[in-house]
Amino acid sequence: MLTKLYVWFLDISAFAFDVDMLIQTEELSKTRESLIRAETSKKHLEEKIDGLSRRLHGNEEKLAVYERRTSTVNGIPQPAISGDMSREEQLEAEVAELRCVRYYPMFNAC
């Protein structure tokens, strides 16, 4: 009788162990999926930050060129007439525009 109880206890213990292992395996699976989602999201966000940083840099270059071309009348900035630009200023503006188009061909807002 004691032997049957001991065997029964071992069967229940093995079953409980199997159930516990299944639960832990499921939790591990969910944790791995969450990690993969987080890493993918991080990668996409880093790529987006890099793209926005390049776009900002290009726009800053363009702004610097345009700021050199402006004059002020009564403290109000007035754009210089395109014909007033020196050849160097025209080339700088063109280079800034080409850089913007090179980095962001899908955006025609450069």
Protein backbone atom coordinates (compact mmCIF):
# COMPACT_ATOMS: atom_id res chain seq x y z
CA MET A 1 0.00 0.00 0.00
CA LEU A 2 2.82 2.39 0.85
CA THR A 3 4.47 1.61 -2.46
CA LYS A 4 1.31 2.48 -4.38
CA LEU A 5 1.06 5.80 -2.52
CA TYR A 6 4.69 6.55 -3.27
CA VAL A 7 4.20 5.78 -6.99
CA TRP A 8 1.05 7.88 -7.02
CA PHE A 9 2.95 10.75 -5.36
CA LEU A 10 5.74 10.45 -7.95
CA ASP A 11 3.19 10.53 -10.78
CA ILE A 12 1.57 13.67 -9.37
CA SER A 13 4.98 15.27 -8.84
CA ALA A 14 6.05 14.47 -12.42
CA PHE A 15 2.76 15.86 -13.74
CA ALA A 16 3.18 19.05 -11.68
CA PHE A 17 6.74 19.37 -12.96
CA ASP A 18 5.56 18.97 -16.58
CA VAL A 19 2.87 21.61 -16.09
CA ASP A 20 5.39 23.97 -14.50
CA MET A 21 7.80 23.43 -17.39
CA LEU A 22 5.04 24.17 -19.92
CA ILE A 23 4.15 27.38 -18.12
CA GLN A 24 7.78 28.49 -17.95
CA THR A 25 8.33 27.63 -21.63
CA GLU A 26 5.28 29.71 -22.57
CA GLU A 27 6.50 32.65 -20.49
CA LEU A 28 9.95 32.38 -22.08
CA SER A 29 8.37 32.39 -25.53
CA LYS A 30 6.36 35.50 -24.74
CA THR A 31 9.45 37.22 -23.32
CA ARG A 32 11.44 36.42 -26.46
CA GLU A 33 8.66 37.79 -28.67
CA SER A 34 8.57 40.98 -26.60
CA LEU A 35 12.34 41.34 -26.89
CA ILE A 36 12.23 40.91 -30.66
CA ARG A 37 9.44 43.51 -30.94
CA ALA A 38 11.41 45.96 -28.77
CA GLU A 39 14.63 45.45 -30.74
CA THR A 40 12.82 45.89 -34.05
CA SER A 41 11.11 49.02 -32.81
CA LYS A 42 14.42 50.39 -31.53
CA LYS A 43 16.08 49.72 -34.89
CA HIS A 44 13.30 51.48 -36.81
CA LEU A 45 13.37 54.46 -34.46
CA GLU A 46 17.16 54.75 -34.74
CA GLU A 47 16.89 54.69 -38.55
CA LYS A 48 14.20 57.36 -38.41
CA ILE A 49 16.35 59.51 -36.10
CA ASP A 50 19.31 59.16 -38.48
CA GLY A 51 17.16 60.19 -41.44
CA LEU A 52 15.69 63.15 -39.61
CA SER A 53 19.16 64.22 -38.45
CA ARG A 54 20.46 64.15 -42.03
CA ARG A 55 17.40 66.09 -43.17
CA LEU A 56 17.92 68.66 -40.41
CA HIS A 57 21.58 69.04 -41.35
CA GLY A 58 20.66 69.59 -45.01
CA ASN A 59 18.02 72.15 -44.07
CA GLU A 60 20.51 73.94 -41.80
CA GLU A 61 22.95 74.15 -44.71
CA LYS A 62 20.24 75.57 -46.95
CA LEU A 63 19.21 78.03 -44.26
CA ALA A 64 22.79 79.20 -43.83
CA VAL A 65 23.00 79.89 -47.57
CA TYR A 66 19.68 81.75 -47.58
CA GLU A 67 20.58 83.76 -44.48
CA ARG A 68 23.74 85.02 -46.18
CA ARG A 69 21.61 86.17 -49.11
CA THR A 70 19.11 88.20 -47.09
CA SER A 71 19.31 91.85 -46.24
CA THR A 72 17.31 93.86 -43.72
CA VAL A 73 15.12 96.89 -44.26
CA ASN A 74 13.99 98.60 -41.04
CA GLY A 75 14.97 95.45 -39.12
CA ILE A 76 12.79 93.20 -41.28
CA PRO A 77 14.65 90.50 -43.26
CA GLN A 78 14.16 90.86 -46.99
CA PRO A 79 15.20 88.15 -49.45
CA ALA A 80 17.87 89.20 -51.86
CA ILE A 81 17.02 89.19 -55.51
CA SER A 82 18.42 86.12 -57.23
CA GLY A 83 20.40 88.29 -59.64
CA ASP A 84 22.20 89.91 -56.68
CA MET A 85 23.76 86.60 -55.69
CA SER A 86 27.41 86.08 -56.46
CA ARG A 87 28.40 83.02 -58.43
CA GLU A 88 29.73 81.48 -55.20
CA GLU A 89 26.42 82.03 -53.42
CA GLN A 90 24.52 80.54 -56.34
CA LEU A 91 26.74 77.47 -56.27
CA GLU A 92 26.37 77.12 -52.49
CA ALA A 93 22.59 77.26 -52.84
CA GLU A 94 22.71 74.67 -55.61
CA VAL A 95 24.96 72.35 -53.55
CA ALA A 96 22.63 72.65 -50.54
CA GLU A 97 19.65 71.82 -52.77
CA LEU A 98 21.42 68.83 -54.35
CA ARG A 99 22.42 67.46 -50.94
CA CYS A 100 18.86 67.71 -49.77
CA VAL A 101 17.56 65.92 -52.87
CA ARG A 102 20.28 63.26 -52.57
CA TYR A 103 19.38 62.43 -48.97
CA TYR A 104 15.62 62.80 -49.40
CA PRO A 105 14.60 61.98 -52.98
CA MET A 106 11.11 60.98 -51.83
CA PHE A 107 10.54 64.41 -50.22
CA ASN A 108 10.14 67.19 -52.73
CA ALA A 109 9.99 69.71 -49.90
CA CYS A 110 13.72 70.50 -49.94
